Amino acid sequence: MATGRSPRTPGDRGGHFTVVDPSTGEAFDEAPDRRPEELDAAVDRAHAAWHDWRADPVARKAALLAAADAVDAAAAALAPLLTREQGKPLTESHAEVARTAARLRYFAQLDPGTQPIADGRPV
């Protein structure tokens, strides 16, 4: 049933839940089942990595562009998967995948330097 599970992380209890196609009610895959403390730990790791991410704009841009390329390369597989797991029309799924790649490219091009906001304070 499962086709591509994410790598195990520390604390993974190995449980999974069934993913159901809402348009048919049919089970078609499994996803990792996480306890709240496992999710909190993942968020904490992501937040810690964010500081490094902010400090290296060249690496951040390269990573975002690589992610956009990966989304484009996997579009033929991602769109039908979105349709199966969300029940939306395939044309909408294809558009969502294309928008995702476009947004990644947009954010890759942004200057991460300090920008003033309306009241003059930097953000």
Protein backbone atom coordinates (compact mmCIF):
# COMPACT_ATOMS: atom_id res chain seq x y z
CA MET A 1 0.00 0.00 0.00
CA ALA A 2 2.64 2.59 1.00
CA THR A 3 4.79 3.87 -1.81
CA GLY A 4 7.33 6.30 -0.39
CA ARG A 5 7.62 6.99 3.30
CA SER A 6 9.80 9.72 4.69
CA PRO A 7 13.00 8.71 6.48
CA ARG A 8 12.62 7.84 10.13
CA THR A 9 13.54 10.51 12.64
CA PRO A 10 14.62 10.17 16.26
CA GLY A 11 11.66 9.17 18.38
CA ASP A 12 9.72 7.67 15.46
CA ARG A 13 7.42 5.10 16.97
CA GLY A 14 6.88 3.41 13.65
CA GLY A 15 3.11 3.85 13.54
CA HIS A 16 1.27 4.94 10.43
CA PHE A 17 -2.24 6.01 9.53
CA THR A 18 -4.17 5.32 6.37
CA VAL A 19 -4.50 8.01 3.70
CA VAL A 20 -7.92 7.92 2.05
CA ASP A 21 -8.96 9.30 -1.34
CA PRO A 22 -11.93 11.54 -0.40
CA SER A 23 -13.52 11.13 -3.83
CA THR A 24 -13.74 7.34 -3.50
CA GLY A 25 -13.32 6.62 0.21
CA GLU A 26 -10.59 4.19 -0.81
CA ALA A 27 -7.34 3.81 1.15
CA PHE A 28 -4.33 4.32 -1.08
CA ASP A 29 -1.30 4.93 1.15
CA GLU A 30 -0.02 5.36 4.69
CA ALA A 31 1.61 8.31 6.43
CA PRO A 32 3.73 8.42 9.60
CA ASP A 33 1.76 8.89 12.80
CA ARG A 34 3.52 11.26 15.20
CA ARG A 35 2.96 12.08 18.86
CA PRO A 36 2.62 15.78 19.78
CA GLU A 37 6.09 15.83 21.39
CA GLU A 38 7.61 14.45 18.16
CA LEU A 39 5.99 17.26 16.19
CA ASP A 40 7.23 19.80 18.74
CA ALA A 41 10.78 18.42 18.42
CA ALA A 42 10.60 18.67 14.61
CA VAL A 43 9.45 22.30 14.86
CA ASP A 44 12.28 23.04 17.31
CA ARG A 45 14.85 21.54 14.89
CA ALA A 46 13.40 23.58 12.02
CA HIS A 47 13.55 26.76 14.09
CA ALA A 48 17.18 26.11 15.03
CA ALA A 49 18.05 25.54 11.35
CA TRP A 50 16.29 28.79 10.43
CA HIS A 51 19.08 30.83 12.03
CA ASP A 52 21.66 29.25 9.71
CA TRP A 53 19.25 29.66 6.81
CA ARG A 54 18.98 33.41 7.47
CA ALA A 55 22.75 33.83 7.73
CA ASP A 56 23.61 32.42 4.29
CA PRO A 57 21.52 34.06 1.54
CA VAL A 58 23.52 32.41 -1.26
CA ALA A 59 22.87 28.92 0.10
CA ARG A 60 19.22 29.81 0.79
CA LYS A 61 18.73 31.00 -2.80
CA ALA A 62 20.39 27.85 -4.17
CA ALA A 63 18.23 25.63 -1.96
CA LEU A 64 15.00 27.37 -3.00
CA LEU A 65 15.90 27.15 -6.68
CA ALA A 66 16.81 23.47 -6.28
CA ALA A 67 13.49 22.86 -4.54
CA ALA A 68 11.65 24.60 -7.40
CA ASP A 69 13.46 22.41 -9.92
CA ALA A 70 12.59 19.30 -7.88
CA VAL A 71 8.91 20.29 -7.79
CA ASP A 72 8.93 20.84 -11.55
CA ALA A 73 10.66 17.49 -12.13
CA ALA A 74 8.11 15.68 -9.96
CA ALA A 75 5.04 17.55 -11.23
CA ALA A 76 3.70 14.58 -13.18
CA ALA A 77 3.64 12.52 -9.98
CA LEU A 78 2.69 15.29 -7.53
CA ALA A 79 -0.45 16.51 -9.29
CA PRO A 80 -2.24 13.13 -9.32
CA LEU A 81 -1.20 12.58 -5.69
CA LEU A 82 -2.75 15.91 -4.67
CA THR A 83 -5.92 14.93 -6.49
CA ARG A 84 -6.06 11.58 -4.71
CA GLU A 85 -5.43 12.93 -1.24
CA GLN A 86 -7.58 16.09 -1.53
CA GLY A 87 -10.25 15.13 -4.04
CA LYS A 88 -9.67 18.21 -6.20
CA PRO A 89 -9.75 18.18 -10.01
CA LEU A 90 -6.47 17.20 -11.66
CA THR A 91 -6.25 20.53 -13.51
CA GLU A 92 -6.30 22.35 -10.15
CA SER A 93 -3.60 20.04 -8.83
CA HIS A 94 -1.36 20.74 -11.83
CA ALA A 95 -1.88 24.48 -11.30
CA GLU A 96 -1.05 24.17 -7.59
CA VAL A 97 2.19 22.33 -8.34
CA ALA A 98 3.18 24.98 -10.91
CA ARG A 99 2.36 27.78 -8.42
CA THR A 100 4.49 26.08 -5.78
CA ALA A 101 7.54 26.02 -8.07
CA ALA A 102 6.89 29.64 -9.09
CA ARG A 103 6.64 30.76 -5.46
CA LEU A 104 9.88 29.02 -4.58
CA ARG A 105 11.59 30.87 -7.43
CA TYR A 106 10.02 34.16 -6.35
CA PHE A 107 11.27 33.80 -2.79
CA ALA A 108 14.70 32.75 -4.03
CA GLN A 109 15.01 36.10 -5.82
CA LEU A 110 14.08 38.25 -2.82
CA ASP A 111 16.85 40.23 -1.18
CA PRO A 112 17.00 38.94 2.39
CA GLY A 113 18.61 42.13 3.64
CA THR A 114 16.95 44.37 6.18
CA GLN A 115 13.97 46.16 4.68
CA PRO A 116 12.33 49.24 6.22
CA ILE A 117 8.61 49.14 6.85
CA ALA A 118 6.18 52.08 6.78
CA ASP A 119 7.20 53.49 10.16
CA GLY A 120 10.91 53.29 9.32
CA ARG A 121 11.76 50.36 11.60
CA PRO A 122 13.77 47.53 10.00
CA VAL A 123 12.28 44.05 9.78
